[in-house]
């Protein structure tokens, strides 16, 4: 099985793309070439994201947000964009690198409103959607 080198892109690299990077490494091994970044990265990762990922056994407590330039020297065969608003920058990045491109438009759970548990449920839904897509990904 030839697992492609991958860069996951979203708007801020605080929620969806770190989730995808974490699940990719959990599925294909910590040594696989997987990175994530944001078009306009946040100063720090989202606490709700760290919490719901730990529920799934993936520790992202030491994750640091990155931008596209931070992945410019990394090998990349596949670019996966997780946010529709990041699509123009992510698709241009993939084209410039000669990489295959996928858009997985996952709703931003950080936009969820309401009580604490309702907001966590939005993060869990995004997490589970990303995990299912990565679980179904066939690298061959």
N, C-alpha and C. Protein backbone atom coordinates (compact mmCIF):
# COMPACT_ATOMS: atom_id res chain seq x y z
N UNK A 1 0.84 -1.17 0.00
CA UNK A 1 0.00 0.00 0.00
C UNK A 1 0.89 1.23 0.00
N UNK A 2 0.79 2.06 -1.01
CA UNK A 2 1.57 3.29 -1.11
C UNK A 2 0.73 4.45 -0.60
N UNK A 3 1.02 4.89 0.59
CA UNK A 3 0.28 5.99 1.20
C UNK A 3 0.87 7.30 0.69
N UNK A 4 0.03 8.16 0.07
CA UNK A 4 0.57 9.41 -0.47
C UNK A 4 0.95 10.39 0.64
N UNK A 5 1.93 11.23 0.35
CA UNK A 5 2.22 12.34 1.25
C UNK A 5 1.06 13.32 1.10
N UNK A 6 0.59 13.84 2.22
CA UNK A 6 -0.65 14.63 2.21
C UNK A 6 -0.49 15.90 3.02
N UNK A 7 -1.17 16.95 2.54
CA UNK A 7 -1.31 18.19 3.29
C UNK A 7 -2.81 18.47 3.40
N UNK A 8 -3.29 18.61 4.62
CA UNK A 8 -4.68 18.97 4.89
C UNK A 8 -4.74 20.47 5.11
N UNK A 9 -5.70 21.12 4.46
CA UNK A 9 -5.82 22.58 4.53
C UNK A 9 -7.21 22.96 4.99
N UNK A 10 -7.27 23.94 5.90
CA UNK A 10 -8.53 24.58 6.24
C UNK A 10 -8.25 26.06 6.46
N UNK A 11 -9.20 26.77 6.99
CA UNK A 11 -9.04 28.21 7.14
C UNK A 11 -7.99 28.61 8.15
N UNK A 12 -8.05 28.00 9.35
CA UNK A 12 -7.21 28.48 10.45
C UNK A 12 -6.28 27.43 11.05
N UNK A 13 -6.36 26.19 10.59
CA UNK A 13 -5.52 25.10 11.11
C UNK A 13 -5.68 24.94 12.61
N UNK A 14 -6.91 25.13 13.08
CA UNK A 14 -7.18 25.04 14.51
C UNK A 14 -8.16 23.93 14.85
N UNK A 15 -8.93 23.44 13.86
CA UNK A 15 -9.95 22.44 14.15
C UNK A 15 -9.89 21.28 13.15
N UNK A 16 -10.40 21.50 11.94
CA UNK A 16 -10.60 20.39 10.99
C UNK A 16 -9.31 19.81 10.45
N UNK A 17 -8.39 20.64 10.00
CA UNK A 17 -7.16 20.09 9.42
C UNK A 17 -6.28 19.38 10.45
N UNK A 18 -6.16 19.87 11.70
CA UNK A 18 -5.41 19.07 12.68
C UNK A 18 -6.09 17.73 12.97
N UNK A 19 -7.43 17.73 12.99
CA UNK A 19 -8.14 16.46 13.18
C UNK A 19 -7.75 15.47 12.09
N UNK A 20 -7.78 15.96 10.83
CA UNK A 20 -7.46 15.08 9.70
C UNK A 20 -6.03 14.58 9.78
N UNK A 21 -5.10 15.47 10.11
CA UNK A 21 -3.70 15.05 10.24
C UNK A 21 -3.56 13.98 11.32
N UNK A 22 -4.22 14.19 12.45
CA UNK A 22 -4.15 13.22 13.54
C UNK A 22 -4.72 11.86 13.17
N UNK A 23 -5.87 11.86 12.50
CA UNK A 23 -6.48 10.59 12.09
C UNK A 23 -5.67 9.90 11.00
N UNK A 24 -5.08 10.68 10.08
CA UNK A 24 -4.26 10.10 9.01
C UNK A 24 -3.07 9.37 9.63
N UNK A 25 -2.39 10.03 10.56
CA UNK A 25 -1.24 9.41 11.22
C UNK A 25 -1.65 8.22 12.07
N UNK A 26 -2.82 8.29 12.69
CA UNK A 26 -3.31 7.16 13.48
C UNK A 26 -3.59 5.96 12.58
N UNK A 27 -4.10 6.21 11.37
CA UNK A 27 -4.43 5.12 10.47
C UNK A 27 -3.20 4.56 9.75
N UNK A 28 -2.33 5.46 9.25
CA UNK A 28 -1.23 5.03 8.40
C UNK A 28 0.13 5.01 9.09
N UNK A 29 0.19 5.41 10.35
CA UNK A 29 1.44 5.38 11.10
C UNK A 29 2.06 6.75 11.26
N UNK A 30 2.72 6.95 12.37
CA UNK A 30 3.31 8.25 12.70
C UNK A 30 4.40 8.66 11.72
N UNK A 31 4.98 7.70 10.99
CA UNK A 31 6.06 8.02 10.06
C UNK A 31 5.56 8.45 8.68
N UNK A 32 4.25 8.37 8.44
CA UNK A 32 3.74 8.79 7.13
C UNK A 32 3.90 10.31 7.00
N UNK A 33 3.99 10.77 5.78
CA UNK A 33 4.17 12.20 5.54
C UNK A 33 2.80 12.87 5.49
N UNK A 34 2.39 13.44 6.61
CA UNK A 34 1.10 14.12 6.72
C UNK A 34 1.29 15.40 7.51
N UNK A 35 0.80 16.49 6.96
CA UNK A 35 0.88 17.79 7.62
C UNK A 35 -0.47 18.47 7.44
N UNK A 36 -0.69 19.49 8.23
CA UNK A 36 -1.88 20.30 8.06
C UNK A 36 -1.49 21.76 8.19
N UNK A 37 -2.34 22.61 7.61
CA UNK A 37 -2.06 24.04 7.65
C UNK A 37 -3.35 24.81 7.41
N UNK A 38 -3.28 26.11 7.65
CA UNK A 38 -4.42 26.98 7.42
C UNK A 38 -4.05 28.12 6.50
N UNK A 39 -5.05 28.65 5.80
CA UNK A 39 -4.84 29.78 4.92
C UNK A 39 -4.46 31.00 5.76
N UNK A 40 -5.15 31.21 6.87
CA UNK A 40 -4.83 32.26 7.83
C UNK A 40 -4.82 31.59 9.21
N UNK A 41 -3.69 31.00 9.60
CA UNK A 41 -3.68 30.17 10.81
C UNK A 41 -3.98 30.94 12.10
N UNK A 42 -4.63 30.23 12.99
CA UNK A 42 -4.93 30.75 14.32
C UNK A 42 -3.64 30.80 15.14
N UNK A 43 -3.70 31.50 16.24
CA UNK A 43 -2.54 31.58 17.13
C UNK A 43 -2.33 30.27 17.89
N UNK A 44 -3.41 29.53 18.12
CA UNK A 44 -3.32 28.27 18.85
C UNK A 44 -4.48 27.36 18.43
N UNK A 45 -4.34 26.06 18.67
CA UNK A 45 -5.42 25.13 18.32
C UNK A 45 -6.62 25.31 19.24
N UNK A 46 -7.76 24.93 18.74
CA UNK A 46 -9.03 25.06 19.45
C UNK A 46 -9.12 24.03 20.58
N UNK A 47 -9.47 24.47 21.75
CA UNK A 47 -9.57 23.59 22.92
C UNK A 47 -10.65 22.52 22.78
N UNK A 48 -11.78 22.86 22.16
CA UNK A 48 -12.81 21.85 21.93
C UNK A 48 -12.28 20.74 21.03
N UNK A 49 -11.50 21.13 20.00
CA UNK A 49 -10.92 20.14 19.08
C UNK A 49 -10.00 19.19 19.84
N UNK A 50 -9.13 19.74 20.67
CA UNK A 50 -8.22 18.90 21.46
C UNK A 50 -9.01 17.93 22.33
N UNK A 51 -10.08 18.42 22.93
CA UNK A 51 -10.91 17.61 23.82
C UNK A 51 -11.57 16.45 23.07
N UNK A 52 -12.22 16.73 21.94
CA UNK A 52 -12.94 15.65 21.25
C UNK A 52 -11.99 14.68 20.57
N UNK A 53 -10.81 15.15 20.19
CA UNK A 53 -9.83 14.22 19.62
C UNK A 53 -9.28 13.29 20.70
N UNK A 54 -9.11 13.80 21.91
CA UNK A 54 -8.64 12.93 22.99
C UNK A 54 -9.67 11.85 23.30
N UNK A 55 -10.95 12.16 23.10
CA UNK A 55 -12.00 11.15 23.27
C UNK A 55 -11.80 9.98 22.30
N UNK A 56 -11.19 10.27 21.16
CA UNK A 56 -10.94 9.25 20.13
C UNK A 56 -9.54 8.65 20.24
N UNK A 57 -8.82 9.01 21.28
CA UNK A 57 -7.50 8.43 21.49
C UNK A 57 -6.38 9.11 20.71
N UNK A 58 -6.64 10.30 20.17
CA UNK A 58 -5.61 11.05 19.43
C UNK A 58 -5.26 12.30 20.24
N UNK A 59 -4.01 12.37 20.68
CA UNK A 59 -3.55 13.49 21.50
C UNK A 59 -3.00 14.60 20.62
N UNK A 60 -3.71 15.72 20.58
CA UNK A 60 -3.24 16.88 19.82
C UNK A 60 -2.95 18.07 20.76
N UNK A 61 -2.69 17.77 22.02
CA UNK A 61 -2.48 18.83 23.01
C UNK A 61 -1.23 19.65 22.72
N UNK A 62 -0.27 19.13 21.97
CA UNK A 62 0.94 19.87 21.64
C UNK A 62 0.94 20.38 20.20
N UNK A 63 -0.21 20.34 19.53
CA UNK A 63 -0.30 20.77 18.14
C UNK A 63 -0.03 22.27 18.02
N UNK A 64 0.70 22.65 16.97
CA UNK A 64 0.96 24.05 16.68
C UNK A 64 0.42 24.39 15.30
N UNK A 65 -0.37 25.46 15.23
CA UNK A 65 -0.98 25.89 13.96
C UNK A 65 0.09 26.35 12.98
N UNK A 66 -0.12 26.00 11.69
CA UNK A 66 0.83 26.34 10.63
C UNK A 66 0.07 26.97 9.45
N UNK A 67 0.83 27.65 8.58
CA UNK A 67 0.22 28.18 7.36
C UNK A 67 0.77 27.43 6.14
N UNK A 68 0.25 27.77 4.97
CA UNK A 68 0.66 27.08 3.75
C UNK A 68 2.17 27.15 3.53
N UNK A 69 2.77 28.28 3.86
CA UNK A 69 4.21 28.43 3.65
C UNK A 69 5.01 27.44 4.48
N UNK A 70 4.46 27.03 5.64
CA UNK A 70 5.16 26.07 6.50
C UNK A 70 5.25 24.68 5.88
N UNK A 71 4.45 24.43 4.84
CA UNK A 71 4.46 23.12 4.18
C UNK A 71 5.08 23.21 2.79
N UNK A 72 5.61 24.37 2.43
CA UNK A 72 6.10 24.59 1.06
C UNK A 72 7.24 23.65 0.66
N UNK A 73 8.05 23.23 1.61
CA UNK A 73 9.17 22.36 1.29
C UNK A 73 8.87 20.88 1.51
N UNK A 74 7.69 20.57 2.01
CA UNK A 74 7.31 19.18 2.27
C UNK A 74 6.89 18.50 0.97
N UNK A 75 7.22 17.21 0.81
CA UNK A 75 6.69 16.49 -0.35
C UNK A 75 5.18 16.39 -0.21
N UNK A 76 4.48 16.56 -1.31
CA UNK A 76 3.02 16.44 -1.26
C UNK A 76 2.51 15.85 -2.57
N UNK A 77 1.79 14.74 -2.41
CA UNK A 77 1.14 14.10 -3.56
C UNK A 77 -0.36 14.31 -3.54
N UNK A 78 -0.89 14.66 -2.37
CA UNK A 78 -2.33 14.83 -2.18
C UNK A 78 -2.58 16.03 -1.29
N UNK A 79 -3.48 16.92 -1.72
CA UNK A 79 -3.93 18.04 -0.90
C UNK A 79 -5.42 17.85 -0.67
N UNK A 80 -5.82 17.87 0.61
CA UNK A 80 -7.22 17.74 0.97
C UNK A 80 -7.64 19.02 1.69
N UNK A 81 -8.61 19.71 1.12
CA UNK A 81 -9.14 20.93 1.72
C UNK A 81 -10.41 20.58 2.49
N UNK A 82 -10.50 21.03 3.73
CA UNK A 82 -11.63 20.70 4.59
C UNK A 82 -12.60 21.86 4.79
N UNK A 83 -12.35 22.99 4.16
CA UNK A 83 -13.19 24.17 4.33
C UNK A 83 -13.44 24.82 2.97
N UNK A 84 -14.70 24.98 2.63
CA UNK A 84 -15.05 25.55 1.33
C UNK A 84 -14.38 26.91 1.12
N UNK A 85 -14.28 27.74 2.17
CA UNK A 85 -13.69 29.06 2.01
C UNK A 85 -12.18 29.01 1.77
N UNK A 86 -11.55 27.91 2.08
CA UNK A 86 -10.11 27.74 1.83
C UNK A 86 -9.84 27.10 0.47
N UNK A 87 -10.90 26.73 -0.25
CA UNK A 87 -10.76 26.02 -1.53
C UNK A 87 -9.90 26.77 -2.56
N UNK A 88 -10.09 28.07 -2.78
CA UNK A 88 -9.26 28.73 -3.80
C UNK A 88 -7.76 28.63 -3.50
N UNK A 89 -7.37 28.91 -2.27
CA UNK A 89 -5.94 28.85 -1.91
C UNK A 89 -5.43 27.42 -1.92
N UNK A 90 -6.23 26.49 -1.42
CA UNK A 90 -5.80 25.09 -1.35
C UNK A 90 -5.68 24.47 -2.74
N UNK A 91 -6.63 24.76 -3.62
CA UNK A 91 -6.56 24.18 -4.96
C UNK A 91 -5.39 24.78 -5.75
N UNK A 92 -5.12 26.08 -5.55
CA UNK A 92 -3.96 26.69 -6.21
C UNK A 92 -2.66 26.09 -5.68
N UNK A 93 -2.62 25.83 -4.37
CA UNK A 93 -1.45 25.20 -3.76
C UNK A 93 -1.22 23.82 -4.36
N UNK A 94 -2.30 23.03 -4.48
CA UNK A 94 -2.20 21.68 -5.06
C UNK A 94 -1.74 21.75 -6.51
N UNK A 95 -2.31 22.67 -7.27
CA UNK A 95 -1.94 22.79 -8.68
C UNK A 95 -0.46 23.18 -8.83
N UNK A 96 -0.01 24.12 -8.01
CA UNK A 96 1.39 24.56 -8.07
C UNK A 96 2.36 23.43 -7.72
N UNK A 97 1.90 22.52 -6.86
CA UNK A 97 2.75 21.41 -6.42
C UNK A 97 2.56 20.16 -7.27
N UNK A 98 1.62 20.19 -8.22
CA UNK A 98 1.35 19.02 -9.05
C UNK A 98 0.72 17.89 -8.27
N UNK A 99 -0.05 18.24 -7.24
CA UNK A 99 -0.66 17.23 -6.35
C UNK A 99 -2.12 16.98 -6.72
N UNK A 100 -2.57 15.78 -6.43
CA UNK A 100 -3.99 15.46 -6.53
C UNK A 100 -4.74 16.32 -5.52
N UNK A 101 -5.99 16.69 -5.83
CA UNK A 101 -6.74 17.60 -4.96
C UNK A 101 -8.13 17.05 -4.65
N UNK A 102 -8.50 17.14 -3.38
CA UNK A 102 -9.85 16.77 -2.94
C UNK A 102 -10.41 17.89 -2.07
N UNK A 103 -11.69 18.18 -2.23
CA UNK A 103 -12.39 19.10 -1.34
C UNK A 103 -13.37 18.29 -0.50
N UNK A 104 -13.13 18.27 0.80
CA UNK A 104 -14.05 17.66 1.76
C UNK A 104 -14.64 18.82 2.55
N UNK A 105 -15.76 19.34 2.12
CA UNK A 105 -16.36 20.51 2.76
C UNK A 105 -17.05 20.10 4.07
N UNK A 106 -16.30 20.17 5.15
CA UNK A 106 -16.80 19.82 6.48
C UNK A 106 -17.25 21.11 7.17
N UNK A 107 -18.50 21.19 7.64
CA UNK A 107 -18.93 22.41 8.33
C UNK A 107 -18.02 22.72 9.53
N UNK A 108 -17.77 24.02 9.74
CA UNK A 108 -16.89 24.46 10.81
C UNK A 108 -17.60 24.36 12.15
N UNK A 109 -17.17 23.45 13.02
CA UNK A 109 -17.85 23.33 14.31
C UNK A 109 -17.62 24.54 15.22
N UNK A 110 -16.59 25.33 14.96
CA UNK A 110 -16.34 26.52 15.76
C UNK A 110 -17.44 27.56 15.57
N UNK A 111 -18.21 27.43 14.50
CA UNK A 111 -19.31 28.35 14.26
C UNK A 111 -20.58 27.94 15.02
N UNK A 112 -20.56 26.78 15.64
CA UNK A 112 -21.73 26.30 16.38
C UNK A 112 -21.99 27.19 17.60
N UNK A 113 -23.25 27.41 17.85
CA UNK A 113 -23.65 28.21 19.01
C UNK A 113 -24.45 27.35 19.96
N UNK A 114 -24.65 27.85 21.15
CA UNK A 114 -25.46 27.13 22.12
C UNK A 114 -24.66 26.74 23.34
N UNK A 115 -25.26 25.86 24.09
CA UNK A 115 -24.65 25.42 25.33
C UNK A 115 -23.40 24.58 25.06
N UNK A 116 -22.63 24.39 26.08
CA UNK A 116 -21.35 23.67 26.00
C UNK A 116 -21.51 22.31 25.31
N UNK A 117 -22.45 21.51 25.75
CA UNK A 117 -22.62 20.16 25.20
C UNK A 117 -23.05 20.20 23.74
N UNK A 118 -23.89 21.16 23.37
CA UNK A 118 -24.31 21.29 21.97
C UNK A 118 -23.12 21.66 21.09
N UNK A 119 -22.26 22.51 21.57
CA UNK A 119 -21.07 22.88 20.81
C UNK A 119 -20.13 21.68 20.67
N UNK A 120 -19.95 20.94 21.77
CA UNK A 120 -19.11 19.73 21.70
C UNK A 120 -19.67 18.74 20.67
N UNK A 121 -20.99 18.63 20.63
CA UNK A 121 -21.61 17.72 19.65
C UNK A 121 -21.27 18.12 18.21
N UNK A 122 -21.19 19.42 17.94
CA UNK A 122 -20.81 19.89 16.59
C UNK A 122 -19.37 19.47 16.28
N UNK A 123 -18.49 19.58 17.27
CA UNK A 123 -17.10 19.16 17.08
C UNK A 123 -17.01 17.64 16.89
N UNK A 124 -17.81 16.91 17.64
CA UNK A 124 -17.81 15.45 17.49
C UNK A 124 -18.31 15.04 16.11
N UNK A 125 -19.32 15.75 15.60
CA UNK A 125 -19.85 15.44 14.26
C UNK A 125 -18.78 15.68 13.20
N UNK A 126 -18.05 16.79 13.30
CA UNK A 126 -16.97 17.07 12.35
C UNK A 126 -15.88 16.01 12.48
N UNK A 127 -15.50 15.70 13.71
CA UNK A 127 -14.47 14.68 13.97
C UNK A 127 -14.88 13.35 13.35
N UNK A 128 -16.11 12.93 13.58
CA UNK A 128 -16.56 11.63 13.09
C UNK A 128 -16.64 11.59 11.56
N UNK A 129 -17.02 12.72 10.95
CA UNK A 129 -17.06 12.80 9.50
C UNK A 129 -15.65 12.67 8.92
N UNK A 130 -14.70 13.39 9.49
CA UNK A 130 -13.31 13.33 9.02
C UNK A 130 -12.74 11.93 9.22
N UNK A 131 -12.99 11.35 10.38
CA UNK A 131 -12.48 10.00 10.65
C UNK A 131 -13.05 8.99 9.66
N UNK A 132 -14.34 9.10 9.35
CA UNK A 132 -14.97 8.17 8.41
C UNK A 132 -14.37 8.32 7.01
N UNK A 133 -14.10 9.55 6.58
CA UNK A 133 -13.51 9.76 5.26
C UNK A 133 -12.11 9.18 5.18
N UNK A 134 -11.33 9.35 6.24
CA UNK A 134 -9.97 8.82 6.25
C UNK A 134 -9.99 7.30 6.35
N UNK A 135 -10.91 6.77 7.13
CA UNK A 135 -11.04 5.31 7.23
C UNK A 135 -11.40 4.70 5.89
N UNK A 136 -12.20 5.41 5.09
CA UNK A 136 -12.64 4.91 3.79
C UNK A 136 -11.63 5.19 2.68
N UNK A 137 -10.62 6.01 2.96
CA UNK A 137 -9.66 6.38 1.92
C UNK A 137 -8.84 5.15 1.51
N UNK A 138 -8.79 4.92 0.22
CA UNK A 138 -8.03 3.79 -0.32
C UNK A 138 -6.80 4.35 -1.03
N UNK A 139 -5.62 4.16 -0.47
CA UNK A 139 -4.42 4.74 -1.06
C UNK A 139 -3.97 4.07 -2.36
N UNK A 140 -4.56 2.94 -2.72
CA UNK A 140 -4.12 2.25 -3.95
C UNK A 140 -4.84 2.73 -5.17
